[in-house]
Structures are given as C-alpha cells and as structure tokens.
Amino acid sequence: MTESAESAGRRTNGNGHFVREGFLLVVAALLAALAGMVDAIGYQHLSGLFVSFMSGNSTQLAIALGRGNLPEAGRIAELVAFFVLGAAAGQMLADLTGGRHMTWVLVGVGILLAISGALRSAPEPMTFAMGALNASMHRAGHTPVSVTFVTGVLVRFGQGLGNLLIRASTGWDWLAQASPWVGIIAGAAIGGLLYNRIGETAIWFAVGLAGLLAACSKLMPQPEST
C-alpha cells in the first residue's frame, strides 16, 4: 500500500520541526556558553560576585544586609539593578526589532561587553549585557530555555526525569534542557581558564564570540522574541 501524500507531508513536516528544534537548541547552548564565559570572568574579577547569576547575588545581598555591611550590600544591589535594567532594555529592543531580534540583541551585548573591556572589565556594562542577553531567546521551538542561568534549566530537567520515573510521561523532551546547561558549563570553563591566563583581557574573547554569534544569526531563521 502506498503512503498517502497527506501522511507523507505530515511526516516531512515532523522531521523538519525536529531538525529546527535541534538547531535552536544548539544556538541556545552557544548563547549560554557566552553567558557562562562572561559570568566566570566577572566572578573572578569581582572576587566572588556574579554578573549573570542573580540568585547567588541576591543571597549574598541578604547576607551583607544581615551583617550590617551596607557598602557591600550597595555594591551587590547595584549589580542586581543593572541586570534588571539590562533585561528590560533587551526585551524592548527585541520587541522593536521583531524578526531580527536575536541579531540586534547580540549586537547590543557585544557593544556593551566591548565598553566593559575598554574600561578594564567594568562590571556595570557587563551585567547590563547579561540582563539583555536573555531577550535573545526564550524558547527553542516548543522547549523553554534559559541562557544566562541554570537553576530553571535543572528544575525542568529534574521534573521531566521525575515524570518519567513514575511513568507520568513517556517523552524525552526534558533531555533538551541539558543543552543550555552544557553550554553554560563549557563557556564558564573557558572563561575561567582565559581569565587565569590573561586576566582582564579575557573579556575580549567574549566580545568576539558575541560578534560571531550576531553575524551567524543573520543567516538563520530566528526564534520568537516572547
């Protein structure tokens, strides 16, 4: 019996969707690698504070307040504020640029990182850039992704594993959450190595990666901005 044109079309569309989602997961991993690289550089430059991982900074802010260390609390609060403002600015840029939002967000991130490099790894533009980077991608197809932090990624991974173990779900979509996690770990490892070898100059490697990703993004279909 020959396969109907309609069923063949559905199968082709399904394969195309699978390939596109897989491609977007690779892109998410590369964006997460950029965030990991910058966060590792910023963490060492700031002696234990983050430019991307605001959960950690929030805990340290609370500790500083509990100890009555107001100067340290103010320093951390400034990083959190710059991250939030960056996230707002990045989303505004993504909304205004529509179908080419990833490219424009990455161009903005690259410029901000270059400003940080020119100011000897100044943390403010670096943190603003990491907030903005979140607007570059929210989903890889149907899979929600996080490109600057791993807590949500690991929660979704663990929930998917739990559902599988009690047979509440037989799908393997949750495995896709490993993609940005691997990316951020790999990027942080490279960023940490570079900073240990060449110090503040390491941020220029992140500038180059942001520029390369921006250039490549012009040649590919981009994910939705929301």
N, C-alpha and C. Protein backbone atom coordinates (compact mmCIF):
# COMPACT_ATOMS: atom_id res chain seq x y z
N MET A 1 0.85 -1.19 0.00
CA MET A 1 0.00 0.00 0.00
C MET A 1 0.89 1.24 0.00
N THR A 2 0.58 2.16 -0.91
CA THR A 2 1.39 3.37 -0.99
C THR A 2 0.97 4.37 0.07
N GLU A 3 1.92 5.15 0.53
CA GLU A 3 1.67 6.16 1.55
C GLU A 3 0.96 7.34 0.93
N SER A 4 -0.09 7.85 1.58
CA SER A 4 -0.82 8.99 1.05
C SER A 4 0.05 10.24 1.08
N ALA A 5 -0.25 11.18 0.19
CA ALA A 5 0.51 12.43 0.15
C ALA A 5 0.36 13.19 1.45
N GLU A 6 -0.85 13.10 2.06
CA GLU A 6 -1.09 13.84 3.31
C GLU A 6 -0.25 13.30 4.45
N SER A 7 -0.19 11.97 4.59
CA SER A 7 0.61 11.39 5.67
C SER A 7 2.09 11.60 5.44
N ALA A 8 2.51 11.54 4.17
CA ALA A 8 3.91 11.81 3.86
C ALA A 8 4.27 13.24 4.20
N GLY A 9 3.34 14.16 3.93
CA GLY A 9 3.58 15.57 4.26
C GLY A 9 3.70 15.79 5.74
N ARG A 10 2.84 15.10 6.53
CA ARG A 10 2.91 15.24 7.98
C ARG A 10 4.25 14.74 8.50
N ARG A 11 4.71 13.61 7.94
CA ARG A 11 5.98 13.07 8.40
C ARG A 11 7.13 14.02 8.04
N THR A 12 7.08 14.58 6.83
CA THR A 12 8.13 15.53 6.43
C THR A 12 8.13 16.75 7.32
N ASN A 13 6.92 17.27 7.60
CA ASN A 13 6.83 18.44 8.48
C ASN A 13 7.34 18.11 9.88
N GLY A 14 7.03 16.89 10.35
CA GLY A 14 7.51 16.48 11.67
C GLY A 14 9.02 16.41 11.73
N ASN A 15 9.62 15.86 10.67
CA ASN A 15 11.08 15.79 10.62
C ASN A 15 11.69 17.18 10.56
N GLY A 16 11.05 18.07 9.78
CA GLY A 16 11.54 19.44 9.69
C GLY A 16 11.47 20.16 11.02
N HIS A 17 10.40 19.93 11.76
CA HIS A 17 10.25 20.53 13.09
C HIS A 17 11.34 20.01 14.02
N PHE A 18 11.61 18.72 13.96
CA PHE A 18 12.64 18.12 14.82
C PHE A 18 14.01 18.72 14.52
N VAL A 19 14.31 18.86 13.23
CA VAL A 19 15.61 19.43 12.85
C VAL A 19 15.72 20.88 13.31
N ARG A 20 14.64 21.67 13.12
CA ARG A 20 14.68 23.08 13.52
C ARG A 20 14.85 23.22 15.02
N GLU A 21 14.11 22.40 15.79
CA GLU A 21 14.22 22.49 17.24
C GLU A 21 15.62 22.09 17.71
N GLY A 22 16.18 21.05 17.07
CA GLY A 22 17.54 20.65 17.42
C GLY A 22 18.55 21.75 17.12
N PHE A 23 18.37 22.41 15.98
CA PHE A 23 19.25 23.52 15.62
C PHE A 23 19.15 24.66 16.63
N LEU A 24 17.92 24.98 17.03
CA LEU A 24 17.73 26.06 18.00
C LEU A 24 18.31 25.70 19.36
N LEU A 25 18.31 24.43 19.72
CA LEU A 25 18.93 24.01 20.98
C LEU A 25 20.44 24.20 20.94
N VAL A 26 21.03 23.98 19.78
CA VAL A 26 22.47 24.24 19.62
C VAL A 26 22.74 25.73 19.78
N VAL A 27 21.88 26.56 19.17
CA VAL A 27 22.02 28.01 19.32
C VAL A 27 21.89 28.42 20.78
N ALA A 28 20.92 27.82 21.49
CA ALA A 28 20.74 28.12 22.91
C ALA A 28 21.99 27.75 23.70
N ALA A 29 22.61 26.63 23.35
CA ALA A 29 23.84 26.23 24.03
C ALA A 29 24.96 27.23 23.80
N LEU A 30 25.06 27.77 22.59
CA LEU A 30 26.10 28.76 22.28
C LEU A 30 25.84 30.08 23.01
N LEU A 31 24.58 30.48 23.09
CA LEU A 31 24.25 31.69 23.84
C LEU A 31 24.55 31.50 25.33
N ALA A 32 24.24 30.31 25.84
CA ALA A 32 24.55 30.01 27.24
C ALA A 32 26.05 29.97 27.46
N ALA A 33 26.80 29.49 26.46
CA ALA A 33 28.26 29.48 26.58
C ALA A 33 28.81 30.90 26.70
N LEU A 34 28.23 31.82 25.93
CA LEU A 34 28.63 33.23 26.04
C LEU A 34 28.36 33.75 27.44
N ALA A 35 27.17 33.44 27.97
CA ALA A 35 26.83 33.89 29.33
C ALA A 35 27.76 33.27 30.36
N GLY A 36 28.05 31.98 30.20
CA GLY A 36 28.94 31.31 31.14
C GLY A 36 30.34 31.90 31.12
N MET A 37 30.83 32.21 29.93
CA MET A 37 32.16 32.80 29.80
C MET A 37 32.23 34.15 30.51
N VAL A 38 31.23 35.00 30.25
CA VAL A 38 31.21 36.33 30.86
C VAL A 38 31.05 36.22 32.37
N ASP A 39 30.19 35.31 32.83
CA ASP A 39 29.96 35.18 34.26
C ASP A 39 31.22 34.71 34.99
N ALA A 40 31.94 33.78 34.38
CA ALA A 40 33.18 33.30 35.00
C ALA A 40 34.23 34.41 35.08
N ILE A 41 34.32 35.20 34.02
CA ILE A 41 35.27 36.33 34.02
C ILE A 41 34.86 37.35 35.07
N GLY A 42 33.57 37.69 35.08
CA GLY A 42 33.08 38.66 36.06
C GLY A 42 33.23 38.18 37.48
N TYR A 43 32.96 36.90 37.72
CA TYR A 43 33.05 36.33 39.07
C TYR A 43 34.47 36.47 39.63
N GLN A 44 35.46 36.17 38.80
CA GLN A 44 36.84 36.27 39.27
C GLN A 44 37.28 37.73 39.39
N HIS A 45 36.81 38.54 38.46
CA HIS A 45 37.18 39.96 38.51
C HIS A 45 36.59 40.65 39.74
N LEU A 46 35.38 40.21 40.13
CA LEU A 46 34.68 40.82 41.28
C LEU A 46 34.92 40.06 42.57
N SER A 47 35.79 39.10 42.54
CA SER A 47 36.16 38.32 43.74
C SER A 47 34.95 37.69 44.43
N GLY A 48 34.13 37.01 43.64
CA GLY A 48 33.05 36.24 44.23
C GLY A 48 31.65 36.76 44.01
N LEU A 49 31.47 37.80 43.20
CA LEU A 49 30.14 38.26 42.82
C LEU A 49 29.90 37.90 41.35
N PHE A 50 28.62 37.84 40.99
CA PHE A 50 28.25 37.39 39.66
C PHE A 50 27.76 38.54 38.79
N VAL A 51 27.91 38.39 37.48
CA VAL A 51 27.33 39.35 36.55
C VAL A 51 26.15 38.75 35.81
N SER A 52 25.88 37.46 36.03
CA SER A 52 24.76 36.80 35.37
C SER A 52 23.85 36.07 36.34
N PHE A 53 24.42 35.45 37.35
CA PHE A 53 23.67 34.60 38.28
C PHE A 53 23.13 35.45 39.43
N MET A 54 21.94 36.03 39.24
CA MET A 54 21.40 36.96 40.23
C MET A 54 20.82 36.26 41.46
N SER A 55 20.53 34.98 41.39
CA SER A 55 20.11 34.24 42.59
C SER A 55 21.24 34.24 43.61
N GLY A 56 22.45 33.96 43.13
CA GLY A 56 23.60 33.98 44.02
C GLY A 56 23.86 35.36 44.59
N ASN A 57 23.75 36.39 43.74
CA ASN A 57 23.94 37.76 44.22
C ASN A 57 22.88 38.15 45.23
N SER A 58 21.63 37.69 45.03
CA SER A 58 20.56 38.03 45.96
C SER A 58 20.82 37.43 47.34
N THR A 59 21.33 36.20 47.36
CA THR A 59 21.68 35.57 48.64
C THR A 59 22.80 36.35 49.32
N GLN A 60 23.81 36.75 48.53
CA GLN A 60 24.92 37.50 49.11
C GLN A 60 24.48 38.89 49.56
N LEU A 61 23.51 39.47 48.86
CA LEU A 61 22.96 40.75 49.28
C LEU A 61 22.30 40.61 50.65
N ALA A 62 21.52 39.55 50.83
CA ALA A 62 20.85 39.33 52.11
C ALA A 62 21.85 39.11 53.23
N ILE A 63 22.92 38.37 52.94
CA ILE A 63 23.96 38.12 53.95
C ILE A 63 24.63 39.44 54.35
N ALA A 64 24.94 40.26 53.34
CA ALA A 64 25.58 41.54 53.63
C ALA A 64 24.68 42.43 54.48
N LEU A 65 23.37 42.43 54.17
CA LEU A 65 22.44 43.22 54.96
C LEU A 65 22.34 42.68 56.38
N GLY A 66 22.31 41.34 56.51
CA GLY A 66 22.23 40.74 57.83
C GLY A 66 23.44 41.06 58.69
N ARG A 67 24.58 41.23 58.07
CA ARG A 67 25.80 41.56 58.80
C ARG A 67 25.95 43.06 59.01
N GLY A 68 25.06 43.82 58.42
CA GLY A 68 25.16 45.27 58.55
C GLY A 68 26.25 45.87 57.68
N ASN A 69 26.69 45.12 56.66
CA ASN A 69 27.74 45.60 55.76
C ASN A 69 27.08 46.35 54.61
N LEU A 70 26.71 47.60 54.87
CA LEU A 70 25.96 48.37 53.89
C LEU A 70 26.74 48.70 52.62
N PRO A 71 28.04 49.00 52.69
CA PRO A 71 28.78 49.24 51.45
C PRO A 71 28.76 48.02 50.53
N GLU A 72 28.96 46.83 51.10
CA GLU A 72 28.93 45.61 50.28
C GLU A 72 27.52 45.36 49.74
N ALA A 73 26.52 45.59 50.57
CA ALA A 73 25.14 45.41 50.12
C ALA A 73 24.82 46.36 48.97
N GLY A 74 25.29 47.59 49.06
CA GLY A 74 25.06 48.55 47.99
C GLY A 74 25.74 48.13 46.70
N ARG A 75 26.93 47.59 46.83
CA ARG A 75 27.68 47.12 45.65
C ARG A 75 26.93 45.99 44.95
N ILE A 76 26.38 45.07 45.74
CA ILE A 76 25.65 43.94 45.15
C ILE A 76 24.33 44.40 44.57
N ALA A 77 23.64 45.29 45.29
CA ALA A 77 22.35 45.80 44.81
C ALA A 77 22.52 46.52 43.48
N GLU A 78 23.65 47.18 43.30
CA GLU A 78 23.91 47.86 42.03
C GLU A 78 23.99 46.85 40.89
N LEU A 79 24.64 45.71 41.12
CA LEU A 79 24.72 44.69 40.08
C LEU A 79 23.34 44.15 39.73
N VAL A 80 22.53 43.89 40.75
CA VAL A 80 21.17 43.39 40.51
C VAL A 80 20.37 44.41 39.70
N ALA A 81 20.50 45.68 40.05
CA ALA A 81 19.76 46.73 39.35
C ALA A 81 20.19 46.82 37.88
N PHE A 82 21.49 46.74 37.62
CA PHE A 82 21.96 46.80 36.24
C PHE A 82 21.48 45.60 35.44
N PHE A 83 21.41 44.44 36.07
CA PHE A 83 20.93 43.25 35.39
C PHE A 83 19.45 43.41 35.01
N VAL A 84 18.65 43.89 35.95
CA VAL A 84 17.22 44.08 35.69
C VAL A 84 17.01 45.12 34.58
N LEU A 85 17.75 46.22 34.65
CA LEU A 85 17.63 47.25 33.61
C LEU A 85 18.07 46.70 32.25
N GLY A 86 19.10 45.86 32.25
CA GLY A 86 19.54 45.23 31.01
C GLY A 86 18.49 44.31 30.44
N ALA A 87 17.84 43.54 31.32
CA ALA A 87 16.77 42.65 30.86
C ALA A 87 15.62 43.44 30.24
N ALA A 88 15.29 44.57 30.88
CA ALA A 88 14.23 45.43 30.35
C ALA A 88 14.62 46.02 29.00
N ALA A 89 15.84 46.53 28.90
CA ALA A 89 16.30 47.13 27.66
C ALA A 89 16.39 46.09 26.55
N GLY A 90 16.88 44.89 26.88
CA GLY A 90 16.99 43.83 25.89
C GLY A 90 15.63 43.43 25.35
N GLN A 91 14.63 43.32 26.22
CA GLN A 91 13.30 42.95 25.76
C GLN A 91 12.67 44.04 24.91
N MET A 92 12.90 45.29 25.30
CA MET A 92 12.40 46.40 24.49
C MET A 92 13.02 46.36 23.09
N LEU A 93 14.31 46.11 23.03
CA LEU A 93 15.00 46.04 21.74
C LEU A 93 14.47 44.88 20.92
N ALA A 94 14.25 43.73 21.56
CA ALA A 94 13.72 42.56 20.86
C ALA A 94 12.34 42.83 20.31
N ASP A 95 11.49 43.48 21.10
CA ASP A 95 10.13 43.79 20.64
C ASP A 95 10.15 44.76 19.46
N LEU A 96 11.05 45.72 19.50
CA LEU A 96 11.10 46.74 18.45
C LEU A 96 11.69 46.21 17.15
N THR A 97 12.58 45.21 17.23
CA THR A 97 13.26 44.72 16.04
C THR A 97 12.62 43.47 15.46
N GLY A 98 11.66 42.87 16.15
CA GLY A 98 10.86 41.79 15.59
C GLY A 98 11.66 40.59 15.11
N GLY A 99 11.51 40.27 13.81
CA GLY A 99 12.08 39.05 13.25
C GLY A 99 13.59 38.95 13.31
N ARG A 100 14.28 40.04 13.49
CA ARG A 100 15.74 40.02 13.57
C ARG A 100 16.20 40.35 14.99
N HIS A 101 15.36 40.04 15.97
CA HIS A 101 15.64 40.46 17.35
C HIS A 101 16.92 39.84 17.91
N MET A 102 17.19 38.57 17.59
CA MET A 102 18.39 37.95 18.15
C MET A 102 19.65 38.68 17.68
N THR A 103 19.68 39.00 16.40
CA THR A 103 20.84 39.70 15.85
C THR A 103 21.07 41.03 16.56
N TRP A 104 20.00 41.81 16.72
CA TRP A 104 20.15 43.14 17.34
C TRP A 104 20.50 43.03 18.81
N VAL A 105 19.91 42.08 19.50
CA VAL A 105 20.26 41.90 20.92
C VAL A 105 21.73 41.52 21.05
N LEU A 106 22.21 40.63 20.21
CA LEU A 106 23.62 40.22 20.28
C LEU A 106 24.56 41.36 19.90
N VAL A 107 24.15 42.19 18.96
CA VAL A 107 24.96 43.37 18.64
C VAL A 107 25.05 44.28 19.86
N GLY A 108 23.92 44.50 20.52
CA GLY A 108 23.93 45.32 21.73
C GLY A 108 24.78 44.71 22.83
N VAL A 109 24.69 43.40 23.00
CA VAL A 109 25.51 42.72 24.01
C VAL A 109 26.98 42.87 23.68
N GLY A 110 27.33 42.70 22.42
CA GLY A 110 28.74 42.84 22.02
C GLY A 110 29.28 44.23 22.29
N ILE A 111 28.46 45.26 22.00
CA ILE A 111 28.88 46.64 22.24
C ILE A 111 29.10 46.88 23.73
N LEU A 112 28.17 46.40 24.54
CA LEU A 112 28.30 46.57 25.99
C LEU A 112 29.53 45.86 26.54
N LEU A 113 29.80 44.66 26.05
CA LEU A 113 30.99 43.94 26.51
C LEU A 113 32.27 44.64 26.06
N ALA A 114 32.22 45.24 24.87
CA ALA A 114 33.38 46.00 24.39
C ALA A 114 33.61 47.23 25.27
N ILE A 115 32.53 47.88 25.69
CA ILE A 115 32.66 49.02 26.61
C ILE A 115 33.29 48.56 27.92
N SER A 116 32.83 47.39 28.40
CA SER A 116 33.40 46.84 29.63
C SER A 116 34.89 46.57 29.46
N GLY A 117 35.26 46.00 28.30
CA GLY A 117 36.67 45.73 28.04
C GLY A 117 37.51 46.99 27.97
N ALA A 118 36.95 48.03 27.35
CA ALA A 118 37.68 49.30 27.25
C ALA A 118 37.87 49.93 28.62
N LEU A 119 36.95 49.62 29.55
CA LEU A 119 37.04 50.15 30.92
C LEU A 119 37.66 49.12 31.88
N ARG A 120 38.44 48.20 31.32
CA ARG A 120 39.16 47.19 32.11
C ARG A 120 38.18 46.32 32.91
N SER A 121 37.27 45.70 32.13
CA SER A 121 36.28 44.76 32.67
C SER A 121 35.38 45.40 33.73
N ALA A 122 34.91 46.61 33.44
CA ALA A 122 33.97 47.27 34.35
C ALA A 122 32.72 46.40 34.47
N PRO A 123 32.23 46.13 35.69
CA PRO A 123 31.13 45.18 35.87
C PRO A 123 29.77 45.71 35.43
N GLU A 124 29.55 47.04 35.44
CA GLU A 124 28.23 47.57 35.14
C GLU A 124 27.77 47.25 33.71
N PRO A 125 28.56 47.59 32.67
CA PRO A 125 28.13 47.22 31.31
C PRO A 125 28.09 45.72 31.09
N MET A 126 28.96 44.98 31.79
CA MET A 126 28.97 43.53 31.67
C MET A 126 27.66 42.94 32.21
N THR A 127 27.22 43.44 33.37
CA THR A 127 25.99 42.95 33.99
C THR A 127 24.77 43.37 33.17
N PHE A 128 24.78 44.60 32.68
CA PHE A 128 23.70 45.09 31.82
C PHE A 128 23.58 44.19 30.59
N ALA A 129 24.72 43.82 30.01
CA ALA A 129 24.74 42.95 28.83
C ALA A 129 24.14 41.59 29.11
N MET A 130 24.44 41.03 30.27
CA MET A 130 23.91 39.71 30.61
C MET A 130 22.40 39.76 30.85
N GLY A 131 21.91 40.86 31.40
CA GLY A 131 20.47 41.01 31.51
C GLY A 131 19.82 41.06 30.13
N ALA A 132 20.43 41.83 29.23
CA ALA A 132 19.89 41.98 27.87
C ALA A 132 19.94 40.67 27.09
N LEU A 133 20.95 39.85 27.32
CA LEU A 133 21.12 38.61 26.56
C LEU A 133 19.91 37.69 26.69
N ASN A 134 19.19 37.78 27.81
CA ASN A 134 18.02 36.91 28.00
C ASN A 134 16.96 37.12 26.94
N ALA A 135 16.92 38.29 26.32
CA ALA A 135 15.92 38.58 25.30
C ALA A 135 16.25 37.95 23.96
N SER A 136 17.44 37.39 23.81
CA SER A 136 17.83 36.82 22.52
C SER A 136 17.06 35.54 22.21
N MET A 137 16.70 34.78 23.24
CA MET A 137 15.97 33.53 23.02
C MET A 137 15.23 33.14 24.28
N HIS A 138 13.93 32.84 24.13
CA HIS A 138 13.12 32.35 25.25
C HIS A 138 12.76 30.88 25.07
N ARG A 139 12.63 30.47 23.81
CA ARG A 139 12.23 29.10 23.52
C ARG A 139 13.00 28.57 22.33
N ALA A 140 13.33 27.29 22.36
CA ALA A 140 13.87 26.59 21.20
C ALA A 140 12.73 25.74 20.66
N GLY A 141 11.96 26.28 19.74
CA GLY A 141 10.76 25.60 19.30
C GLY A 141 9.73 25.59 20.42
N HIS A 142 9.37 24.38 20.87
CA HIS A 142 8.42 24.26 21.99
C HIS A 142 9.12 24.13 23.33
N THR A 143 10.44 24.15 23.34
CA THR A 143 11.20 23.92 24.56
C THR A 143 11.62 25.24 25.19
N PRO A 144 11.17 25.55 26.42
CA PRO A 144 11.63 26.78 27.10
C PRO A 144 13.10 26.65 27.46
N VAL A 145 13.86 27.71 27.26
CA VAL A 145 15.29 27.68 27.56
C VAL A 145 15.67 28.92 28.36
N SER A 146 16.73 28.80 29.15
CA SER A 146 17.32 29.92 29.89
C SER A 146 18.77 30.00 29.47
N VAL A 147 19.21 31.18 29.06
CA VAL A 147 20.57 31.28 28.51
C VAL A 147 21.57 31.94 29.46
N THR A 148 21.12 32.50 30.59
CA THR A 148 22.09 33.12 31.49
C THR A 148 22.10 32.52 32.89
N PHE A 149 21.27 31.52 33.14
CA PHE A 149 21.26 30.89 34.47
C PHE A 149 20.80 29.44 34.32
N VAL A 150 21.16 28.60 35.26
CA VAL A 150 20.91 27.17 35.11
C VAL A 150 19.89 26.62 36.09
N THR A 151 19.46 27.38 37.08
CA THR A 151 18.53 26.84 38.08
C THR A 151 17.23 26.37 37.43
N GLY A 152 16.62 27.23 36.60
CA GLY A 152 15.39 26.85 35.93
C GLY A 152 15.59 25.67 35.00
N VAL A 153 16.74 25.64 34.33
CA VAL A 153 17.07 24.53 33.43
C VAL A 153 17.11 23.21 34.20
N LEU A 154 17.79 23.21 35.33
CA LEU A 154 17.93 21.99 36.11
C LEU A 154 16.61 21.56 36.75
N VAL A 155 15.78 22.54 37.13
CA VAL A 155 14.46 22.21 37.67
C VAL A 155 13.62 21.51 36.61
N ARG A 156 13.58 22.07 35.39
CA ARG A 156 12.81 21.45 34.32
C ARG A 156 13.35 20.08 33.97
N PHE A 157 14.67 19.93 34.00
CA PHE A 157 15.31 18.64 33.74
C PHE A 157 14.89 17.62 34.80
N GLY A 158 14.96 18.04 36.07
CA GLY A 158 14.60 17.14 37.17
C GLY A 158 13.13 16.77 37.16
N GLN A 159 12.27 17.74 36.84
CA GLN A 159 10.84 17.45 36.77
C GLN A 159 10.52 16.46 35.67
N GLY A 160 11.18 16.63 34.53
CA GLY A 160 10.98 15.68 33.43
C GLY A 160 11.44 14.29 33.81
N LEU A 161 12.57 14.20 34.50
CA LEU A 161 13.07 12.91 34.96
C LEU A 161 12.11 12.28 35.95
N GLY A 162 11.58 13.09 36.87
CA GLY A 162 10.62 12.57 37.85
C GLY A 162 9.37 12.02 37.19
N ASN A 163 8.85 12.77 36.20
CA ASN A 163 7.67 12.29 35.47
C ASN A 163 7.94 10.98 34.75
N LEU A 164 9.14 10.86 34.20
CA LEU A 164 9.49 9.63 33.50
C LEU A 164 9.57 8.45 34.47
N LEU A 165 10.15 8.68 35.64
CA LEU A 165 10.34 7.59 36.60
C LEU A 165 9.02 7.04 37.14
N ILE A 166 8.01 7.89 37.26
CA ILE A 166 6.71 7.39 37.73
C ILE A 166 5.76 7.15 36.56
N ARG A 167 6.31 7.17 35.36
CA ARG A 167 5.55 6.89 34.13
C ARG A 167 4.40 7.87 33.90
N ALA A 168 4.54 9.08 34.47
CA ALA A 168 3.56 10.12 34.18
C ALA A 168 3.77 10.69 32.77
N SER A 169 4.95 10.45 32.23
CA SER A 169 5.28 10.90 30.88
C SER A 169 6.23 9.89 30.25
N THR A 170 6.07 9.67 28.97
CA THR A 170 6.98 8.77 28.26
C THR A 170 7.86 9.51 27.27
N GLY A 171 7.71 10.83 27.22
CA GLY A 171 8.50 11.63 26.29
C GLY A 171 9.90 11.91 26.82
N TRP A 172 10.74 12.36 25.91
CA TRP A 172 12.13 12.66 26.27
C TRP A 172 12.47 14.13 26.03
N ASP A 173 11.44 14.97 25.89
CA ASP A 173 11.69 16.38 25.62
C ASP A 173 12.51 17.05 26.72
N TRP A 174 12.37 16.58 27.95
CA TRP A 174 13.08 17.17 29.07
C TRP A 174 14.60 17.07 28.91
N LEU A 175 15.06 16.08 28.12
CA LEU A 175 16.50 15.95 27.90
C LEU A 175 17.08 17.17 27.19
N ALA A 176 16.22 17.89 26.46
CA ALA A 176 16.69 19.08 25.74
C ALA A 176 17.23 20.13 26.69
N GLN A 177 16.79 20.10 27.96
CA GLN A 177 17.27 21.09 28.94
C GLN A 177 18.77 20.95 29.20
N ALA A 178 19.33 19.80 28.85
CA ALA A 178 20.78 19.61 29.04
C ALA A 178 21.59 20.51 28.13
N SER A 179 21.00 20.95 27.01
CA SER A 179 21.75 21.72 26.02
C SER A 179 22.28 23.05 26.59
N PRO A 180 21.42 23.93 27.12
CA PRO A 180 21.97 25.18 27.68
C PRO A 180 22.83 24.94 28.92
N TRP A 181 22.55 23.89 29.68
CA TRP A 181 23.39 23.60 30.86
C TRP A 181 24.80 23.26 30.43
N VAL A 182 24.94 22.39 29.44
CA VAL A 182 26.27 22.04 28.93
C VAL A 182 26.95 23.28 28.37
N GLY A 183 26.18 24.13 27.67
CA GLY A 183 26.76 25.35 27.11
C GLY A 183 27.31 26.27 28.16
N ILE A 184 26.54 26.51 29.23
CA ILE A 184 26.99 27.46 30.24
C ILE A 184 28.19 26.92 31.01
N ILE A 185 28.22 25.59 31.23
CA ILE A 185 29.38 24.99 31.91
C ILE A 185 30.62 25.10 31.04
N ALA A 186 30.47 24.79 29.75
CA ALA A 186 31.62 24.86 28.84
C ALA A 186 32.13 26.30 28.73
N GLY A 187 31.21 27.25 28.58
CA GLY A 187 31.62 28.65 28.47
C GLY A 187 32.30 29.15 29.72
N ALA A 188 31.78 28.76 30.89
CA ALA A 188 32.39 29.19 32.15
C ALA A 188 33.78 28.60 32.32
N ALA A 189 33.94 27.35 31.90
CA ALA A 189 35.26 26.72 32.00
C ALA A 189 36.28 27.47 31.13
N ILE A 190 35.85 27.83 29.91
CA ILE A 190 36.75 28.57 29.02
C ILE A 190 37.03 29.96 29.57
N GLY A 191 35.99 30.63 30.06
CA GLY A 191 36.17 31.97 30.62
C GLY A 191 37.09 31.96 31.83
N GLY A 192 36.92 30.96 32.70
CA GLY A 192 37.78 30.85 33.87
C GLY A 192 39.23 30.60 33.48
N LEU A 193 39.43 29.74 32.51
CA LEU A 193 40.79 29.45 32.04
C LEU A 193 41.44 30.69 31.44
N LEU A 194 40.67 31.39 30.60
CA LEU A 194 41.22 32.60 29.96
C LEU A 194 41.58 33.65 30.99
N TYR A 195 40.71 33.86 31.99
CA TYR A 195 40.98 34.88 33.00
C TYR A 195 42.23 34.52 33.81
N ASN A 196 42.39 33.24 34.11
CA ASN A 196 43.57 32.82 34.86
C ASN A 196 44.85 33.00 34.06
N ARG A 197 44.72 32.93 32.74
CA ARG A 197 45.91 33.06 31.87
C ARG A 197 46.22 34.52 31.53
N ILE A 198 45.20 35.30 31.18
CA ILE A 198 45.47 36.64 30.65
C ILE A 198 44.73 37.75 31.39
N GLY A 199 44.01 37.41 32.45
CA GLY A 199 43.37 38.43 33.27
C GLY A 199 42.24 39.16 32.57
N GLU A 200 42.14 40.46 32.78
CA GLU A 200 41.01 41.26 32.29
C GLU A 200 40.85 41.23 30.78
N THR A 201 41.93 40.96 30.07
CA THR A 201 41.87 40.90 28.61
C THR A 201 40.94 39.80 28.12
N ALA A 202 40.62 38.85 28.98
CA ALA A 202 39.76 37.73 28.59
C ALA A 202 38.40 38.18 28.09
N ILE A 203 37.93 39.33 28.54
CA ILE A 203 36.60 39.79 28.15
C ILE A 203 36.51 40.01 26.64
N TRP A 204 37.65 40.27 25.98
CA TRP A 204 37.61 40.50 24.54
C TRP A 204 37.30 39.22 23.78
N PHE A 205 37.57 38.07 24.36
CA PHE A 205 37.15 36.81 23.72
C PHE A 205 35.62 36.71 23.73
N ALA A 206 34.99 37.18 24.81
CA ALA A 206 33.53 37.20 24.87
C ALA A 206 32.96 38.19 23.86
N VAL A 207 33.64 39.33 23.68
CA VAL A 207 33.21 40.30 22.67
C VAL A 207 33.24 39.64 21.29
N GLY A 208 34.31 38.92 21.01
CA GLY A 208 34.44 38.23 19.72
C GLY A 208 33.36 37.18 19.53
N LEU A 209 33.05 36.43 20.59
CA LEU A 209 32.01 35.40 20.49
C LEU A 209 30.64 36.03 20.25
N ALA A 210 30.35 37.12 20.95
CA ALA A 210 29.07 37.82 20.74
C ALA A 210 28.97 38.33 19.30
N GLY A 211 30.06 38.88 18.78
CA GLY A 211 30.06 39.36 17.40
C GLY A 211 29.87 38.23 16.40
N LEU A 212 30.53 37.10 16.65
CA LEU A 212 30.41 35.95 15.76
C LEU A 212 28.97 35.41 15.76
N LEU A 213 28.38 35.31 16.94
CA LEU A 213 27.01 34.83 17.02
C LEU A 213 26.03 35.80 16.35
N ALA A 214 26.28 37.09 16.50
CA ALA A 214 25.42 38.09 15.85
C ALA A 214 25.50 37.95 14.33
N ALA A 215 26.72 37.78 13.82
CA ALA A 215 26.90 37.63 12.37
C ALA A 215 26.22 36.37 11.86
N CYS A 216 26.38 35.26 12.58
CA CYS A 216 25.77 33.99 12.16
C CYS A 216 24.25 34.05 12.25
N SER A 217 23.74 34.79 13.22
CA SER A 217 22.29 34.84 13.40
C SER A 217 21.59 35.51 12.23
N LYS A 218 22.30 36.33 11.48
CA LYS A 218 21.71 36.98 10.32
C LYS A 218 21.38 35.98 9.21
N LEU A 219 22.03 34.82 9.26
CA LEU A 219 21.87 33.83 8.19
C LEU A 219 20.87 32.74 8.53
N MET A 220 20.21 32.85 9.68
CA MET A 220 19.34 31.75 10.11
C MET A 220 17.96 32.28 10.52
N PRO A 221 16.96 31.40 10.46
CA PRO A 221 15.67 31.79 10.98
C PRO A 221 15.75 31.94 12.49
N GLN A 222 15.14 32.98 13.03
CA GLN A 222 15.30 33.29 14.44
C GLN A 222 14.07 32.88 15.24
N PRO A 223 14.27 32.54 16.52
CA PRO A 223 13.13 32.14 17.36
C PRO A 223 12.25 33.33 17.67
N GLU A 224 11.08 33.04 18.25
CA GLU A 224 10.18 34.11 18.64
C GLU A 224 10.79 34.93 19.76
N SER A 225 10.41 36.23 19.81
CA SER A 225 11.02 37.13 20.80
C SER A 225 10.31 37.07 22.14
N THR A 226 9.19 36.33 22.24
CA THR A 226 8.49 36.23 23.52
C THR A 226 8.15 34.78 23.81
